[in-house]
Amino acid sequence: MATAANSVDINRPVEAVCRFLADGLNNPKWRSAVAEINLVSGTGSSVGAVYKQAVKGPFGRKVDGDYRLVEATPIRGSNSKL
């Protein structure tokens, strides 16, 4: 299974960051490899939501990177860290 990691400081409330990241339609705004993405079933940002996405692959080819949200645990409080 492919994985990726990155770190960035965001000057926003934790809850707002979690909401932004949970909405797959925001992926192109922070993941440069995402070429296109659509919500194909379920409610965006909610468990069960299914996103169809294509990411930039080798030699300019698009690679399917579809996914389903299977768990969502909100992080709350000013002392919470992502």
PDB file of N, CA and C in Angstrom:
ATOM      1  N   MET A   1       0.839  -1.164   0.000  1.00  0.00           N
ATOM      2  CA  MET A   1       0.000   0.000   0.000  1.00  0.00           C
ATOM      3  C   MET A   1       0.885   1.229   0.000  1.00  0.00           C
ATOM      4  N   ALA A   2       0.538   2.201  -0.832  1.00  0.00           N
ATOM      5  CA  ALA A   2       1.294   3.440  -0.912  1.00  0.00           C
ATOM      6  C   ALA A   2       1.016   4.313   0.303  1.00  0.00           C
ATOM      7  N   THR A   3       2.030   5.033   0.756  1.00  0.00           N
ATOM      8  CA  THR A   3       1.867   5.968   1.865  1.00  0.00           C
ATOM      9  C   THR A   3       2.634   7.247   1.553  1.00  0.00           C
ATOM     10  N   ALA A   4       2.256   8.302   2.257  1.00  0.00           N
ATOM     11  CA  ALA A   4       2.963   9.571   2.104  1.00  0.00           C
ATOM     12  C   ALA A   4       2.907  10.309   3.430  1.00  0.00           C
ATOM     13  N   ALA A   5       3.867  11.195   3.664  1.00  0.00           N
ATOM     14  CA  ALA A   5       3.885  11.978   4.891  1.00  0.00           C
ATOM     15  C   ALA A   5       4.449  13.357   4.593  1.00  0.00           C
ATOM     16  N   ASN A   6       3.971  14.347   5.375  1.00  0.00           N
ATOM     17  CA  ASN A   6       4.448  15.712   5.231  1.00  0.00           C
ATOM     18  C   ASN A   6       4.126  16.459   6.515  1.00  0.00           C
ATOM     19  N   SER A   7       4.732  17.592   6.734  1.00  0.00           N
ATOM     20  CA  SER A   7       4.476  18.386   7.930  1.00  0.00           C
ATOM     21  C   SER A   7       4.357  19.845   7.525  1.00  0.00           C
ATOM     22  N   VAL A   8       3.383  20.547   8.132  1.00  0.00           N
ATOM     23  CA  VAL A   8       3.198  21.968   7.857  1.00  0.00           C
ATOM     24  C   VAL A   8       2.512  22.607   9.066  1.00  0.00           C
ATOM     25  N   ASP A   9       2.860  23.849   9.372  1.00  0.00           N
ATOM     26  CA  ASP A   9       2.199  24.582  10.452  1.00  0.00           C
ATOM     27  C   ASP A   9       1.043  25.378   9.865  1.00  0.00           C
ATOM     28  N   ILE A  10      -0.134  25.265  10.494  1.00  0.00           N
ATOM     29  CA  ILE A  10      -1.338  25.940  10.017  1.00  0.00           C
ATOM     30  C   ILE A  10      -1.901  26.775  11.160  1.00  0.00           C
ATOM     31  N   ASN A  11      -2.053  28.056  10.938  1.00  0.00           N
ATOM     32  CA  ASN A  11      -2.552  28.968  11.970  1.00  0.00           C
ATOM     33  C   ASN A  11      -4.076  29.066  11.887  1.00  0.00           C
ATOM     34  N   ARG A  12      -4.750  27.949  12.194  1.00  0.00           N
ATOM     35  CA  ARG A  12      -6.210  27.859  12.178  1.00  0.00           C
ATOM     36  C   ARG A  12      -6.647  26.970  13.328  1.00  0.00           C
ATOM     37  N   PRO A  13      -7.907  27.085  13.761  1.00  0.00           N
ATOM     38  CA  PRO A  13      -8.402  26.169  14.793  1.00  0.00           C
ATOM     39  C   PRO A  13      -8.341  24.716  14.310  1.00  0.00           C
ATOM     40  N   VAL A  14      -8.025  23.820  15.220  1.00  0.00           N
ATOM     41  CA  VAL A  14      -7.889  22.401  14.890  1.00  0.00           C
ATOM     42  C   VAL A  14      -9.143  21.873  14.190  1.00  0.00           C
ATOM     43  N   GLU A  15     -10.317  22.246  14.702  1.00  0.00           N
ATOM     44  CA  GLU A  15     -11.571  21.756  14.125  1.00  0.00           C
ATOM     45  C   GLU A  15     -11.710  22.169  12.661  1.00  0.00           C
ATOM     46  N   ALA A  16     -11.308  23.399  12.326  1.00  0.00           N
ATOM     47  CA  ALA A  16     -11.400  23.881  10.944  1.00  0.00           C
ATOM     48  C   ALA A  16     -10.451  23.109  10.034  1.00  0.00           C
ATOM     49  N   VAL A  17      -9.269  22.804  10.531  1.00  0.00           N
ATOM     50  CA  VAL A  17      -8.304  22.035   9.741  1.00  0.00           C
ATOM     51  C   VAL A  17      -8.840  20.625   9.489  1.00  0.00           C
ATOM     52  N   CYS A  18      -9.400  20.003  10.511  1.00  0.00           N
ATOM     53  CA  CYS A  18      -9.967  18.654  10.353  1.00  0.00           C
ATOM     54  C   CYS A  18     -11.094  18.647   9.329  1.00  0.00           C
ATOM     55  N   ARG A  19     -11.978  19.643   9.395  1.00  0.00           N
ATOM     56  CA  ARG A  19     -13.080  19.718   8.422  1.00  0.00           C
ATOM     57  C   ARG A  19     -12.534  19.870   7.002  1.00  0.00           C
ATOM     58  N   PHE A  20     -11.541  20.722   6.845  1.00  0.00           N
ATOM     59  CA  PHE A  20     -10.952  20.952   5.523  1.00  0.00           C
ATOM     60  C   PHE A  20     -10.345  19.672   4.964  1.00  0.00           C
ATOM     61  N   LEU A  21      -9.564  18.965   5.787  1.00  0.00           N
ATOM     62  CA  LEU A  21      -8.897  17.747   5.324  1.00  0.00           C
ATOM     63  C   LEU A  21      -9.876  16.609   5.060  1.00  0.00           C
ATOM     64  N   ALA A  22     -10.960  16.552   5.825  1.00  0.00           N
ATOM     65  CA  ALA A  22     -11.934  15.473   5.650  1.00  0.00           C
ATOM     66  C   ALA A  22     -12.682  15.595   4.335  1.00  0.00           C
ATOM     67  N   ASP A  23     -12.785  16.795   3.793  1.00  0.00           N
ATOM     68  CA  ASP A  23     -13.483  16.989   2.519  1.00  0.00           C
ATOM     69  C   ASP A  23     -12.513  16.719   1.377  1.00  0.00           C
ATOM     70  N   GLY A  24     -12.636  15.553   0.779  1.00  0.00           N
ATOM     71  CA  GLY A  24     -11.730  15.152  -0.295  1.00  0.00           C
ATOM     72  C   GLY A  24     -11.685  16.119  -1.463  1.00  0.00           C
ATOM     73  N   LEU A  25     -12.752  16.885  -1.656  1.00  0.00           N
ATOM     74  CA  LEU A  25     -12.763  17.837  -2.761  1.00  0.00           C
ATOM     75  C   LEU A  25     -11.727  18.941  -2.568  1.00  0.00           C
ATOM     76  N   ASN A  26     -11.192  19.068  -1.348  1.00  0.00           N
ATOM     77  CA  ASN A  26     -10.121  20.033  -1.088  1.00  0.00           C
ATOM     78  C   ASN A  26      -8.740  19.476  -1.409  1.00  0.00           C
ATOM     79  N   ASN A  27      -8.633  18.200  -1.713  1.00  0.00           N
ATOM     80  CA  ASN A  27      -7.319  17.588  -1.939  1.00  0.00           C
ATOM     81  C   ASN A  27      -6.438  18.345  -2.932  1.00  0.00           C
ATOM     82  N   PRO A  28      -6.954  18.798  -4.072  1.00  0.00           N
ATOM     83  CA  PRO A  28      -6.070  19.513  -5.017  1.00  0.00           C
ATOM     84  C   PRO A  28      -5.487  20.806  -4.446  1.00  0.00           C
ATOM     85  N   LYS A  29      -6.103  21.347  -3.396  1.00  0.00           N
ATOM     86  CA  LYS A  29      -5.614  22.586  -2.798  1.00  0.00           C
ATOM     87  C   LYS A  29      -4.367  22.365  -1.959  1.00  0.00           C
ATOM     88  N   TRP A  30      -4.125  21.124  -1.528  1.00  0.00           N
ATOM     89  CA  TRP A  30      -2.965  20.879  -0.671  1.00  0.00           C
ATOM     90  C   TRP A  30      -2.138  19.678  -1.100  1.00  0.00           C
ATOM     91  N   ARG A  31      -2.624  18.920  -2.084  1.00  0.00           N
ATOM     92  CA  ARG A  31      -1.867  17.774  -2.603  1.00  0.00           C
ATOM     93  C   ARG A  31      -1.633  17.999  -4.092  1.00  0.00           C
ATOM     94  N   SER A  32      -0.456  18.445  -4.455  1.00  0.00           N
ATOM     95  CA  SER A  32      -0.170  18.807  -5.844  1.00  0.00           C
ATOM     96  C   SER A  32      -0.277  17.641  -6.811  1.00  0.00           C
ATOM     97  N   ALA A  33      -0.219  16.415  -6.320  1.00  0.00           N
ATOM     98  CA  ALA A  33      -0.294  15.247  -7.207  1.00  0.00           C
ATOM     99  C   ALA A  33      -1.726  14.913  -7.631  1.00  0.00           C
ATOM    100  N   VAL A  34      -2.726  15.504  -6.989  1.00  0.00           N
ATOM    101  CA  VAL A  34      -4.110  15.192  -7.336  1.00  0.00           C
ATOM    102  C   VAL A  34      -4.492  15.943  -8.610  1.00  0.00           C
ATOM    103  N   ALA A  35      -4.793  15.182  -9.666  1.00  0.00           N
ATOM    104  CA  ALA A  35      -5.161  15.774 -10.944  1.00  0.00           C
ATOM    105  C   ALA A  35      -6.654  16.070 -11.006  1.00  0.00           C
ATOM    106  N   GLU A  36      -7.460  15.195 -10.421  1.00  0.00           N
ATOM    107  CA  GLU A  36      -8.915  15.405 -10.388  1.00  0.00           C
ATOM    108  C   GLU A  36      -9.519  14.559  -9.279  1.00  0.00           C
ATOM    109  N   ILE A  37     -10.657  15.010  -8.763  1.00  0.00           N
ATOM    110  CA  ILE A  37     -11.345  14.273  -7.705  1.00  0.00           C
ATOM    111  C   ILE A  37     -12.822  14.622  -7.735  1.00  0.00           C
ATOM    112  N   ASN A  38     -13.649  13.620  -7.454  1.00  0.00           N
ATOM    113  CA  ASN A  38     -15.102  13.793  -7.397  1.00  0.00           C
ATOM    114  C   ASN A  38     -15.660  12.956  -6.268  1.00  0.00           C
ATOM    115  N   LEU A  39     -16.693  13.469  -5.619  1.00  0.00           N
ATOM    116  CA  LEU A  39     -17.444  12.690  -4.638  1.00  0.00           C
ATOM    117  C   LEU A  39     -18.427  11.846  -5.438  1.00  0.00           C
ATOM    118  N   VAL A  40     -18.327  10.509  -5.323  1.00  0.00           N
ATOM    119  CA  VAL A  40     -19.196   9.644  -6.136  1.00  0.00           C
ATOM    120  C   VAL A  40     -20.331   9.013  -5.345  1.00  0.00           C
ATOM    121  N   SER A  41     -20.214   8.954  -4.025  1.00  0.00           N
ATOM    122  CA  SER A  41     -21.341   8.482  -3.221  1.00  0.00           C
ATOM    123  C   SER A  41     -21.149   8.906  -1.777  1.00  0.00           C
ATOM    124  N   GLY A  42     -22.264   8.929  -1.050  1.00  0.00           N
ATOM    125  CA  GLY A  42     -22.226   9.336   0.338  1.00  0.00           C
ATOM    126  C   GLY A  42     -22.242  10.842   0.472  1.00  0.00           C
ATOM    127  N   THR A  43     -22.041  11.293   1.690  1.00  0.00           N
ATOM    128  CA  THR A  43     -22.004  12.720   2.006  1.00  0.00           C
ATOM    129  C   THR A  43     -20.559  13.114   2.238  1.00  0.00           C
ATOM    130  N   GLY A  44     -20.110  14.151   1.556  1.00  0.00           N
ATOM    131  CA  GLY A  44     -18.732  14.598   1.686  1.00  0.00           C
ATOM    132  C   GLY A  44     -18.327  14.816   3.131  1.00  0.00           C
ATOM    133  N   SER A  45     -17.111  14.478   3.442  1.00  0.00           N
ATOM    134  CA  SER A  45     -16.520  14.635   4.781  1.00  0.00           C
ATOM    135  C   SER A  45     -17.093  13.691   5.811  1.00  0.00           C
ATOM    136  N   SER A  46     -17.952  12.755   5.427  1.00  0.00           N
ATOM    137  CA  SER A  46     -18.599  11.850   6.375  1.00  0.00           C
ATOM    138  C   SER A  46     -18.168  10.412   6.125  1.00  0.00           C
ATOM    139  N   VAL A  47     -18.199   9.613   7.185  1.00  0.00           N
ATOM    140  CA  VAL A  47     -17.891   8.190   7.049  1.00  0.00           C
ATOM    141  C   VAL A  47     -18.787   7.602   5.967  1.00  0.00           C
ATOM    142  N   GLY A  48     -18.193   6.827   5.088  1.00  0.00           N
ATOM    143  CA  GLY A  48     -18.919   6.219   3.982  1.00  0.00           C
ATOM    144  C   GLY A  48     -18.785   6.981   2.678  1.00  0.00           C
ATOM    145  N   ALA A  49     -18.302   8.227   2.733  1.00  0.00           N
ATOM    146  CA  ALA A  49     -18.111   9.001   1.505  1.00  0.00           C
ATOM    147  C   ALA A  49     -17.071   8.299   0.627  1.00  0.00           C
ATOM    148  N   VAL A  50     -17.369   8.231  -0.668  1.00  0.00           N
ATOM    149  CA  VAL A  50     -16.454   7.607  -1.622  1.00  0.00           C
ATOM    150  C   VAL A  50     -16.010   8.670  -2.618  1.00  0.00           C
ATOM    151  N   TYR A  51     -14.701   8.804  -2.770  1.00  0.00           N
ATOM    152  CA  TYR A  51     -14.115   9.772  -3.690  1.00  0.00           C
ATOM    153  C   TYR A  51     -13.386   9.032  -4.804  1.00  0.00           C
ATOM    154  N   LYS A  52     -13.613   9.471  -6.023  1.00  0.00           N
ATOM    155  CA  LYS A  52     -12.877   8.947  -7.182  1.00  0.00           C
ATOM    156  C   LYS A  52     -11.853  10.014  -7.535  1.00  0.00           C
ATOM    157  N   GLN A  53     -10.590   9.632  -7.460  1.00  0.00           N
ATOM    158  CA  GLN A  53      -9.550  10.609  -7.783  1.00  0.00           C
ATOM    159  C   GLN A  53      -8.511  10.013  -8.716  1.00  0.00           C
ATOM    160  N   ALA A  54      -7.880  10.888  -9.452  1.00  0.00           N
ATOM    161  CA  ALA A  54      -6.754  10.514 -10.304  1.00  0.00           C
ATOM    162  C   ALA A  54      -5.567  11.348  -9.847  1.00  0.00           C
ATOM    163  N   VAL A  55      -4.441  10.684  -9.654  1.00  0.00           N
ATOM    164  CA  VAL A  55      -3.221  11.378  -9.257  1.00  0.00           C
ATOM    165  C   VAL A  55      -2.212  11.309 -10.395  1.00  0.00           C
ATOM    166  N   LYS A  56      -1.308  12.266 -10.398  1.00  0.00           N
ATOM    167  CA  LYS A  56      -0.281  12.317 -11.437  1.00  0.00           C
ATOM    168  C   LYS A  56       0.721  11.209 -11.194  1.00  0.00           C
ATOM    169  N   GLY A  57       0.871  10.361 -12.198  1.00  0.00           N
ATOM    170  CA  GLY A  57       1.793   9.241 -12.098  1.00  0.00           C
ATOM    171  C   GLY A  57       2.996   9.428 -13.001  1.00  0.00           C
ATOM    172  N   PRO A  58       3.783   8.361 -13.144  1.00  0.00           N
ATOM    173  CA  PRO A  58       4.978   8.432 -13.996  1.00  0.00           C
ATOM    174  C   PRO A  58       4.629   8.755 -15.444  1.00  0.00           C
ATOM    175  N   PHE A  59       5.497   9.509 -16.086  1.00  0.00           N
ATOM    176  CA  PHE A  59       5.383   9.849 -17.501  1.00  0.00           C
ATOM    177  C   PHE A  59       4.080  10.586 -17.821  1.00  0.00           C
ATOM    178  N   GLY A  60       3.546  11.333 -16.829  1.00  0.00           N
ATOM    179  CA  GLY A  60       2.349  12.120 -17.055  1.00  0.00           C
ATOM    180  C   GLY A  60       1.050  11.333 -17.079  1.00  0.00           C
ATOM    181  N   ARG A  61       1.124  10.052 -16.781  1.00  0.00           N
ATOM    182  CA  ARG A  61      -0.083   9.219 -16.773  1.00  0.00           C
ATOM    183  C   ARG A  61      -0.857   9.441 -15.488  1.00  0.00           C
ATOM    184  N   LYS A  62      -2.177   9.371 -15.589  1.00  0.00           N
ATOM    185  CA  LYS A  62      -3.015   9.471 -14.402  1.00  0.00           C
ATOM    186  C   LYS A  62      -3.184   8.078 -13.794  1.00  0.00           C
ATOM    187  N   VAL A  63      -3.119   8.028 -12.478  1.00  0.00           N
ATOM    188  CA  VAL A  63      -3.253   6.773 -11.738  1.00  0.00           C
ATOM    189  C   VAL A  63      -4.462   6.908 -10.812  1.00  0.00           C
ATOM    190  N   ASP A  64      -5.338   5.900 -10.830  1.00  0.00           N
ATOM    191  CA  ASP A  64      -6.498   5.924  -9.946  1.00  0.00           C
ATOM    192  C   ASP A  64      -6.058   5.884  -8.491  1.00  0.00           C
ATOM    193  N   GLY A  65      -6.691   6.692  -7.672  1.00  0.00           N
ATOM    194  CA  GLY A  65      -6.398   6.722  -6.242  1.00  0.00           C
ATOM    195  C   GLY A  65      -7.696   6.876  -5.462  1.00  0.00           C
ATOM    196  N   ASP A  66      -8.710   6.109  -5.870  1.00  0.00           N
ATOM    197  CA  ASP A  66     -10.027   6.206  -5.249  1.00  0.00           C
ATOM    198  C   ASP A  66      -9.964   5.774  -3.789  1.00  0.00           C
ATOM    199  N   TYR A  67     -10.850   6.358  -2.958  1.00  0.00           N
ATOM    200  CA  TYR A  67     -10.872   5.962  -1.553  1.00  0.00           C
ATOM    201  C   TYR A  67     -12.240   6.209  -0.928  1.00  0.00           C
ATOM    202  N   ARG A  68     -12.451   5.559   0.217  1.00  0.00           N
ATOM    203  CA  ARG A  68     -13.671   5.689   1.012  1.00  0.00           C
ATOM    204  C   ARG A  68     -13.273   6.084   2.430  1.00  0.00           C
ATOM    205  N   LEU A  69     -13.993   7.032   3.012  1.00  0.00           N
ATOM    206  CA  LEU A  69     -13.759   7.380   4.416  1.00  0.00           C
ATOM    207  C   LEU A  69     -14.366   6.288   5.282  1.00  0.00           C
ATOM    208  N   VAL A  70     -13.551   5.627   6.063  1.00  0.00           N
ATOM    209  CA  VAL A  70     -14.029   4.513   6.885  1.00  0.00           C
ATOM    210  C   VAL A  70     -14.088   4.857   8.368  1.00  0.00           C
ATOM    211  N   GLU A  71     -13.446   5.948   8.766  1.00  0.00           N
ATOM    212  CA  GLU A  71     -13.466   6.349  10.165  1.00  0.00           C
ATOM    213  C   GLU A  71     -13.186   7.842  10.239  1.00  0.00           C
ATOM    214  N   ALA A  72     -13.858   8.519  11.153  1.00  0.00           N
ATOM    215  CA  ALA A  72     -13.613   9.944  11.361  1.00  0.00           C
ATOM    216  C   ALA A  72     -13.718  10.234  12.846  1.00  0.00           C
ATOM    217  N   THR A  73     -12.628  10.635  13.440  1.00  0.00           N
ATOM    218  CA  THR A  73     -12.599  10.958  14.858  1.00  0.00           C
ATOM    219  C   THR A  73     -12.219  12.421  14.993  1.00  0.00           C
ATOM    220  N   PRO A  74     -13.172  13.276  15.339  1.00  0.00           N
ATOM    221  CA  PRO A  74     -12.850  14.706  15.451  1.00  0.00           C
ATOM    222  C   PRO A  74     -11.834  14.970  16.553  1.00  0.00           C
ATOM    223  N   ILE A  75     -10.969  15.933  16.318  1.00  0.00           N
ATOM    224  CA  ILE A  75     -10.012  16.380  17.307  1.00  0.00           C
ATOM    225  C   ILE A  75     -10.548  17.700  17.840  1.00  0.00           C
ATOM    226  N   ARG A  76     -10.716  17.799  19.127  1.00  0.00           N
ATOM    227  CA  ARG A  76     -11.327  18.997  19.709  1.00  0.00           C
ATOM    228  C   ARG A  76     -10.410  19.619  20.759  1.00  0.00           C
ATOM    229  N   GLY A  77     -10.565  20.923  20.909  1.00  0.00           N
ATOM    230  CA  GLY A  77      -9.859  21.615  21.977  1.00  0.00           C
ATOM    231  C   GLY A  77      -8.633  22.356  21.514  1.00  0.00           C
ATOM    232  N   SER A  78      -8.329  23.434  22.177  1.00  0.00           N
ATOM    233  CA  SER A  78      -7.206  24.278  21.778  1.00  0.00           C
ATOM    234  C   SER A  78      -5.856  23.616  22.029  1.00  0.00           C
ATOM    235  N   ASN A  79      -5.797  22.602  22.890  1.00  0.00           N
ATOM    236  CA  ASN A  79      -4.529  21.930  23.162  1.00  0.00           C
ATOM    237  C   ASN A  79      -4.320  20.707  22.281  1.00  0.00           C
ATOM    238  N   SER A  80      -5.277  20.440  21.390  1.00  0.00           N
ATOM    239  CA  SER A  80      -5.162  19.275  20.507  1.00  0.00           C
ATOM    240  C   SER A  80      -4.120  19.539  19.433  1.00  0.00           C
ATOM    241  N   LYS A  81      -3.460  18.481  19.031  1.00  0.00           N
ATOM    242  CA  LYS A  81      -2.491  18.579  17.942  1.00  0.00           C
ATOM    243  C   LYS A  81      -2.861  17.554  16.894  1.00  0.00           C
ATOM    244  N   LEU A  82      -2.630  17.916  15.650  1.00  0.00           N
ATOM    245  CA  LEU A  82      -2.876  16.982  14.546  1.00  0.00           C
ATOM    246  C   LEU A  82      -1.693  16.070  14.396  1.00  0.00           C
TER     247      LEU A  82
END
